[in-house]
Protein backbone atom coordinates (compact mmCIF):
# COMPACT_ATOMS: atom_id res chain seq x y z
CA MET A 1 0.00 0.00 0.00
CA GLY A 2 1.52 3.34 -1.01
CA ASP A 3 1.26 6.67 0.75
CA GLY A 4 -1.55 7.71 -1.59
CA GLU A 5 -3.79 4.94 -0.24
CA GLY A 6 -2.49 4.80 3.32
CA LEU A 7 0.42 3.45 5.33
CA THR A 8 2.02 0.06 5.76
CA ASN A 9 3.83 -0.67 9.02
CA LEU A 10 7.42 -1.85 9.31
CA GLU A 11 6.50 -5.00 11.23
CA GLY A 12 4.27 -6.38 8.49
CA HIS A 13 1.03 -6.47 10.51
CA THR A 14 -1.20 -6.12 7.48
CA ASP A 15 -4.38 -6.17 9.59
CA PHE A 16 -3.17 -2.86 11.03
CA ASP A 17 -2.11 -1.11 7.86
CA VAL A 18 -3.66 2.34 7.60
CA THR A 19 -6.24 2.92 4.88
CA TRP A 20 -7.14 6.59 4.63
CA PRO A 21 -10.90 6.98 5.13
CA TRP A 22 -11.30 9.37 2.20
CA ARG A 23 -9.96 6.64 -0.14
CA ARG A 24 -12.56 4.05 0.79
CA ASP A 25 -15.49 3.11 -1.43
CA GLU A 26 -18.05 4.52 0.99
CA PRO A 27 -18.13 8.36 1.08
CA LEU A 28 -17.60 10.06 4.42
CA ARG A 29 -20.81 10.90 6.25
CA ARG A 30 -21.77 14.38 7.37
CA GLY A 31 -21.13 14.93 11.07
CA ALA A 32 -18.36 14.59 13.63
CA THR A 33 -16.60 11.77 15.47
CA ALA A 34 -14.72 12.12 18.76
CA VAL A 35 -11.70 9.80 18.80
CA LEU A 36 -10.40 8.68 22.21
CA ARG A 37 -7.12 6.79 22.40
CA VAL A 38 -7.25 5.29 25.87
CA LYS A 39 -5.34 3.11 28.28
CA ASP A 40 -6.59 2.52 31.82
CA GLU A 41 -9.08 5.40 31.84
CA ALA A 42 -12.02 3.46 33.33
CA ARG A 43 -12.70 5.73 36.29
CA SER A 44 -12.81 8.88 34.14
CA LEU A 45 -15.23 7.58 31.52
CA ALA A 46 -18.37 8.01 33.64
CA TYR A 47 -17.71 11.76 33.46
CA VAL A 48 -16.13 11.96 29.99
CA LEU A 49 -18.56 9.97 27.87
CA PRO A 50 -22.10 11.22 28.71
CA PRO A 51 -21.71 14.83 27.48
CA LEU A 52 -19.56 13.67 24.56
CA LEU A 53 -22.09 11.05 23.43
CA ARG A 54 -24.77 13.74 23.45
CA ALA A 55 -22.62 16.27 21.58
CA VAL A 56 -21.25 14.32 18.57
CA ASP A 57 -22.49 11.80 16.02
CA GLU A 58 -20.12 9.05 17.11
CA VAL A 59 -17.57 8.38 19.83
CA LEU A 60 -14.76 6.05 18.82
CA VAL A 61 -12.87 4.56 21.76
CA VAL A 62 -9.60 2.89 20.77
CA ASP A 63 -8.31 0.86 23.71
CA ASN A 64 -4.57 0.23 23.93
CA ASN A 65 -4.22 -2.79 26.21
CA SER A 66 -6.02 -1.48 29.28
CA THR A 67 -5.93 -3.62 32.41
CA ASP A 68 -8.72 -1.83 34.32
CA GLY A 69 -11.74 -2.76 32.19
CA THR A 70 -11.81 0.46 30.18
CA PRO A 71 -13.67 -1.01 27.13
CA ASP A 72 -16.36 -2.60 29.31
CA GLU A 73 -16.79 0.64 31.25
CA ALA A 74 -17.20 2.59 28.02
CA ARG A 75 -19.95 0.21 26.90
CA ARG A 76 -21.62 0.32 30.32
CA VAL A 77 -21.77 4.11 30.33
CA ALA A 78 -23.14 4.26 26.80
CA ASP A 79 -25.78 1.61 27.55
CA GLU A 80 -26.84 3.37 30.74
CA LEU A 81 -27.18 6.64 28.84
CA GLY A 82 -29.18 5.03 26.04
CA ARG A 83 -26.53 6.04 23.48
CA ALA A 84 -24.92 2.68 22.69
CA ASP A 85 -25.63 3.32 19.02
CA ARG A 86 -23.19 6.26 19.11
CA LEU A 87 -20.29 4.33 20.65
CA ARG A 88 -17.75 2.21 18.77
CA VAL A 89 -14.93 0.40 20.59
CA GLU A 90 -11.79 -0.81 18.80
CA HIS A 91 -8.64 -2.48 20.15
CA TYR A 92 -5.07 -1.55 19.21
CA PRO A 93 -2.92 -4.43 20.53
CA PHE A 94 0.60 -3.00 20.22
CA ASP A 95 2.49 -1.24 23.01
CA VAL A 96 2.86 2.40 22.00
CA ALA A 97 6.03 4.33 22.78
CA ARG A 98 5.71 6.83 25.60
CA ALA A 99 6.25 10.52 24.87
CA GLY A 100 9.84 11.70 25.02
CA ALA A 101 12.84 9.42 24.68
CA GLU A 102 10.91 6.26 23.77
CA HIS A 103 9.03 8.13 21.07
CA ARG A 104 12.21 9.62 19.61
CA ALA A 105 13.78 6.15 19.37
CA THR A 106 10.79 4.57 17.58
CA PRO A 107 10.55 4.68 13.74
CA GLU A 108 7.57 6.67 12.50
CA ARG A 109 6.12 3.79 10.48
CA SER A 110 6.33 1.30 13.36
CA VAL A 111 3.10 0.06 14.95
CA HIS A 112 4.69 1.22 18.22
CA SER A 113 4.99 4.82 17.02
CA LEU A 114 2.67 7.49 18.42
CA ALA A 115 2.28 8.96 14.93
CA TYR A 116 1.36 5.60 13.37
CA PHE A 117 -1.02 4.81 16.24
CA TYR A 118 -2.82 8.15 15.84
CA ASN A 119 -3.08 7.73 12.07
CA TRP A 120 -4.56 4.25 12.53
CA CYS A 121 -7.10 5.54 15.06
CA PHE A 122 -8.29 8.43 12.90
CA ALA A 123 -8.36 6.20 9.82
CA GLN A 124 -11.32 4.42 11.47
CA VAL A 125 -13.43 7.60 11.28
CA THR A 126 -16.37 7.55 8.84
CA THR A 127 -17.55 11.17 9.24
CA ARG A 128 -16.22 14.33 7.59
CA TYR A 129 -15.01 15.86 10.84
CA SER A 130 -13.09 14.55 13.84
CA TRP A 131 -12.38 15.65 17.36
CA LYS A 132 -9.14 14.51 18.95
CA TRP A 133 -10.29 13.71 22.49
CA ASP A 134 -8.54 12.36 25.56
CA GLY A 135 -9.98 9.85 28.00
CA ASP A 136 -9.86 12.43 30.81
CA MET A 137 -11.42 15.46 29.07
CA VAL A 138 -14.88 16.39 30.39
CA LEU A 139 -17.19 18.89 28.73
CA THR A 140 -18.97 21.35 30.96
CA ARG A 141 -22.68 21.99 30.48
CA GLU A 142 -21.82 24.91 28.20
CA GLY A 143 -19.21 22.83 26.40
CA GLU A 144 -21.67 20.09 25.58
CA LEU A 145 -24.15 22.54 24.05
CA SER A 146 -21.44 24.42 22.16
CA MET A 147 -19.80 21.29 20.77
CA GLY A 148 -23.15 19.81 19.81
CA ALA A 149 -24.11 22.93 17.88
CA LEU A 150 -20.71 23.17 16.25
CA SER A 151 -20.31 19.50 15.30
CA TRP A 152 -23.09 19.51 12.73
CA GLN A 153 -21.83 22.76 11.18
CA VAL A 154 -18.12 21.92 10.79
CA GLY A 155 -18.75 18.63 8.99
CA SER A 156 -18.49 20.28 5.59
CA ALA A 157 -16.11 23.13 6.51
CA GLN A 158 -12.31 23.20 6.34
CA ALA A 159 -11.96 24.60 9.85
CA VAL A 160 -9.65 23.71 12.72
CA VAL A 161 -11.07 24.30 16.20
CA ARG A 162 -9.03 25.27 19.24
CA LEU A 163 -10.52 24.31 22.59
CA PRO A 164 -9.30 25.79 25.89
CA ARG A 165 -9.22 23.22 28.65
CA HIS A 166 -8.54 23.62 32.34
CA SER A 167 -6.77 21.05 34.50
CA LEU A 168 -8.89 19.77 37.39
CA TYR A 169 -6.82 17.98 40.05
CA VAL A 170 -9.17 15.65 41.93
CA GLU A 171 -8.27 14.99 45.56
CA SER A 172 -11.49 13.23 46.61
CA SER A 173 -15.13 12.94 45.62
CA GLN A 174 -15.78 16.25 47.40
CA ARG A 175 -12.67 18.33 46.72
CA ALA A 176 -10.66 19.28 43.65
CA TYR A 177 -8.30 22.03 42.54
CA LEU A 178 -8.93 23.93 39.32
CA ASP A 179 -5.92 25.48 37.58
CA LEU A 180 -6.99 28.85 36.22
CA GLY A 181 -3.41 30.07 36.05
CA LEU A 182 -2.65 28.24 32.79
CA ARG A 183 -3.88 29.61 29.47
CA ASN A 184 -3.96 26.72 27.04
CA ALA A 185 -6.00 26.34 23.84
CA GLU A 186 -4.83 23.49 21.63
CA GLU A 187 -6.17 22.34 18.27
CA TRP A 188 -8.72 19.58 18.92
CA GLY A 189 -11.12 19.65 15.96
CA PHE A 190 -10.01 18.75 12.42
CA PRO A 191 -11.56 17.95 9.04
CA VAL A 192 -10.96 14.40 7.83
CA GLY A 193 -8.74 14.59 4.77
CA PRO A 194 -5.21 14.26 3.38
CA ASP A 195 -4.12 17.67 4.72
CA TYR A 196 -4.75 16.58 8.31
CA VAL A 197 -2.67 13.52 9.21
CA TYR A 198 -0.12 12.77 11.90
CA THR A 199 3.65 12.86 11.70
CA LYS A 200 6.50 12.52 14.16
CA ALA A 201 7.59 15.51 16.28
CA PRO A 202 10.48 15.72 18.81
CA GLU A 203 8.46 14.79 21.93
CA TRP A 204 5.27 13.26 20.53
CA GLU A 205 3.06 13.26 17.44
CA ILE A 206 1.86 16.36 15.60
CA ARG A 207 -1.00 16.83 13.18
CA THR A 208 -0.25 18.42 9.83
CA THR A 209 -2.26 21.31 8.42
CA PRO A 210 -2.34 22.98 4.99
CA GLU A 211 -0.67 26.35 4.37
CA THR A 212 -3.97 28.18 4.69
CA TYR A 213 -7.00 27.10 6.67
CA ARG A 214 -9.74 28.59 8.80
CA GLU A 215 -9.21 28.44 12.57
CA LEU A 216 -11.76 28.94 15.32
CA GLU A 217 -11.18 29.21 19.06
CA LEU A 218 -13.91 28.40 21.55
CA PRO A 219 -14.23 30.42 24.78
CA GLN A 220 -12.92 29.51 28.21
CA GLY A 221 -14.83 27.24 30.53
CA LEU A 222 -16.04 24.52 28.16
CA CYS A 223 -13.78 21.63 29.16
CA VAL A 224 -11.79 20.33 32.11
CA GLU A 225 -9.02 17.73 32.07
CA LEU A 226 -9.16 15.33 35.01
CA LYS A 227 -5.98 14.63 36.92
CA TRP A 228 -6.37 12.22 39.81
CA LEU A 229 -3.99 13.13 42.62
CA ASP A 230 -3.82 9.50 43.79
CA GLY A 231 -2.86 8.25 40.32
CA ASP A 232 0.21 8.17 38.08
CA GLU A 233 -0.45 11.23 35.97
CA PHE A 234 2.79 10.92 34.01
CA ALA A 235 2.80 7.22 33.10
CA HIS A 236 2.63 8.03 29.37
CA TRP A 237 5.92 9.95 29.48
CA SER A 238 9.18 8.03 29.26
CA ASP A 239 11.16 10.75 31.04
CA PRO A 240 8.60 12.85 32.97
CA GLU A 241 11.15 14.61 35.16
CA SER A 242 12.48 16.38 32.07
CA PHE A 243 9.24 18.35 31.93
CA ALA A 244 9.98 19.94 35.29
CA THR A 245 12.53 22.17 33.54
CA SER A 246 11.35 21.95 29.92
CA GLN A 247 11.58 25.19 28.00
CA ARG A 248 9.74 23.67 25.02
CA ASN A 249 6.39 23.01 26.63
CA HIS A 250 5.01 25.40 29.19
CA ARG A 251 1.84 23.35 29.71
CA LYS A 252 3.68 20.16 30.67
CA ARG A 253 5.97 22.07 32.99
CA ARG A 254 2.98 23.69 34.67
CA GLU A 255 1.20 20.35 35.11
CA TRP A 256 4.29 18.83 36.71
CA GLU A 257 4.62 21.77 39.13
CA VAL A 258 0.95 21.89 40.13
CA PHE A 259 0.54 18.12 40.52
CA HIS A 260 3.54 17.74 42.81
CA ALA A 261 2.74 20.90 44.79
CA LEU A 262 -0.76 19.65 45.54
CA ARG A 263 0.54 16.20 46.46
CA ALA A 264 2.84 17.98 48.94
CA GLY A 265 -0.07 19.96 50.42
CA ARG A 266 0.68 23.30 48.73
CA VAL A 267 -1.77 25.19 46.50
CA PRO A 268 0.13 27.11 43.79
CA THR A 269 -0.80 30.61 42.67
CA GLY A 270 -3.57 30.49 40.10
CA VAL A 271 -5.07 27.26 41.46
CA VAL A 272 -8.52 27.39 43.06
CA GLN A 273 -9.85 24.91 45.60
CA VAL A 274 -13.40 23.79 44.83
CA ASP A 275 -15.53 21.88 47.33
CA ALA A 276 -18.72 20.14 46.20
CA PRO A 277 -21.96 20.12 48.21
CA ALA A 278 -22.85 16.91 50.02
CA GLY A 279 -24.04 14.15 47.74
CA VAL A 280 -22.58 15.69 44.57
CA HIS A 281 -19.29 14.53 43.06
CA VAL A 282 -16.85 17.37 42.64
CA VAL A 283 -16.40 16.69 38.90
CA ASP A 284 -20.16 17.03 38.38
CA HIS A 285 -20.22 20.15 40.53
CA VAL A 286 -17.42 21.84 38.60
CA THR A 287 -18.78 21.02 35.15
CA ALA A 288 -22.49 21.58 35.82
CA GLU A 289 -22.44 24.43 38.34
CA TRP A 290 -19.12 26.07 39.18
CA MET A 291 -17.70 26.78 35.73
CA PRO A 292 -20.98 27.74 34.02
CA ARG A 293 -21.66 30.26 36.79
CA ALA A 294 -18.17 31.76 36.96
CA PRO A 295 -17.76 35.17 35.30
CA ARG A 296 -15.42 35.36 32.31
CA PRO A 297 -12.57 35.76 31.91
CA PHE A 298 -11.72 33.63 34.93
CA ARG A 299 -10.10 35.58 37.77
CA VAL A 300 -8.08 33.75 40.38
CA ASP A 301 -7.92 36.72 42.74
CA ASP A 302 -11.69 36.95 43.16
CA PRO A 303 -12.64 35.88 46.73
CA ARG A 304 -15.73 34.12 45.36
CA HIS A 305 -13.44 31.62 43.63
CA ARG A 306 -11.26 30.75 46.57
CA ARG A 307 -13.77 28.39 48.12
CA SER A 308 -17.04 27.04 46.74
């Protein structure tokens, strides 16, 4: 298979060659697909999947050898929500190189390469638009409505969408810490086509874009990224300590600093403690009540945001 049709992998696993979706016999459908590449994300999916399943035409969960029942949890959540028809679960059986040194040492066309893995995942999409989504990203109430309205419009438009997301460090079911001190809006929405594929970058994969394209940026407060303080937040990095001093990636450096400060009992500047009312999980409280009610732009020096 040549590059015009797709990609063959170096190991000869023909069942996992990449066939570009726009080269298949069936034309791409109007609409949008959220693609989640996941490993051991079971406890986040009860928060991640419901708003996402309501907001897009299809959610594609690609499981990469989870040991915590992630695929079964994804199906359970979709069934419970009555949206099983919008969920598709696939399995990618090869160990994928972790970001950093492992990634740099792995050939781009290997089944173990981040770039190859991402291309395979997005090659399973059958709609005209795709959202790159992580297994810990939760839409707020506003985010769900905004993404739902946008998803049916961007299906025929050559537009890339930037989505601000805010790290939410979860200490317990009643308390979390929201980082409003980091301004971060990455590209998460892409048309499905030959101008938007993945290639190898120094630390991880990067998606290509044409020389000219339309770009949209959604407002603050539409998405939080869950970070469990009792978990291993940096397991997907081969050399996580390098991010403590990285000059290349401010976001990763900030995440390292905030995570370890909170684990040590210190709340960094720009981070807001949020306490949920009794009987309500703090993730639900933040996404359904706290963030939708907060005035924009977010202000970390406002006394109303110090405790809630």
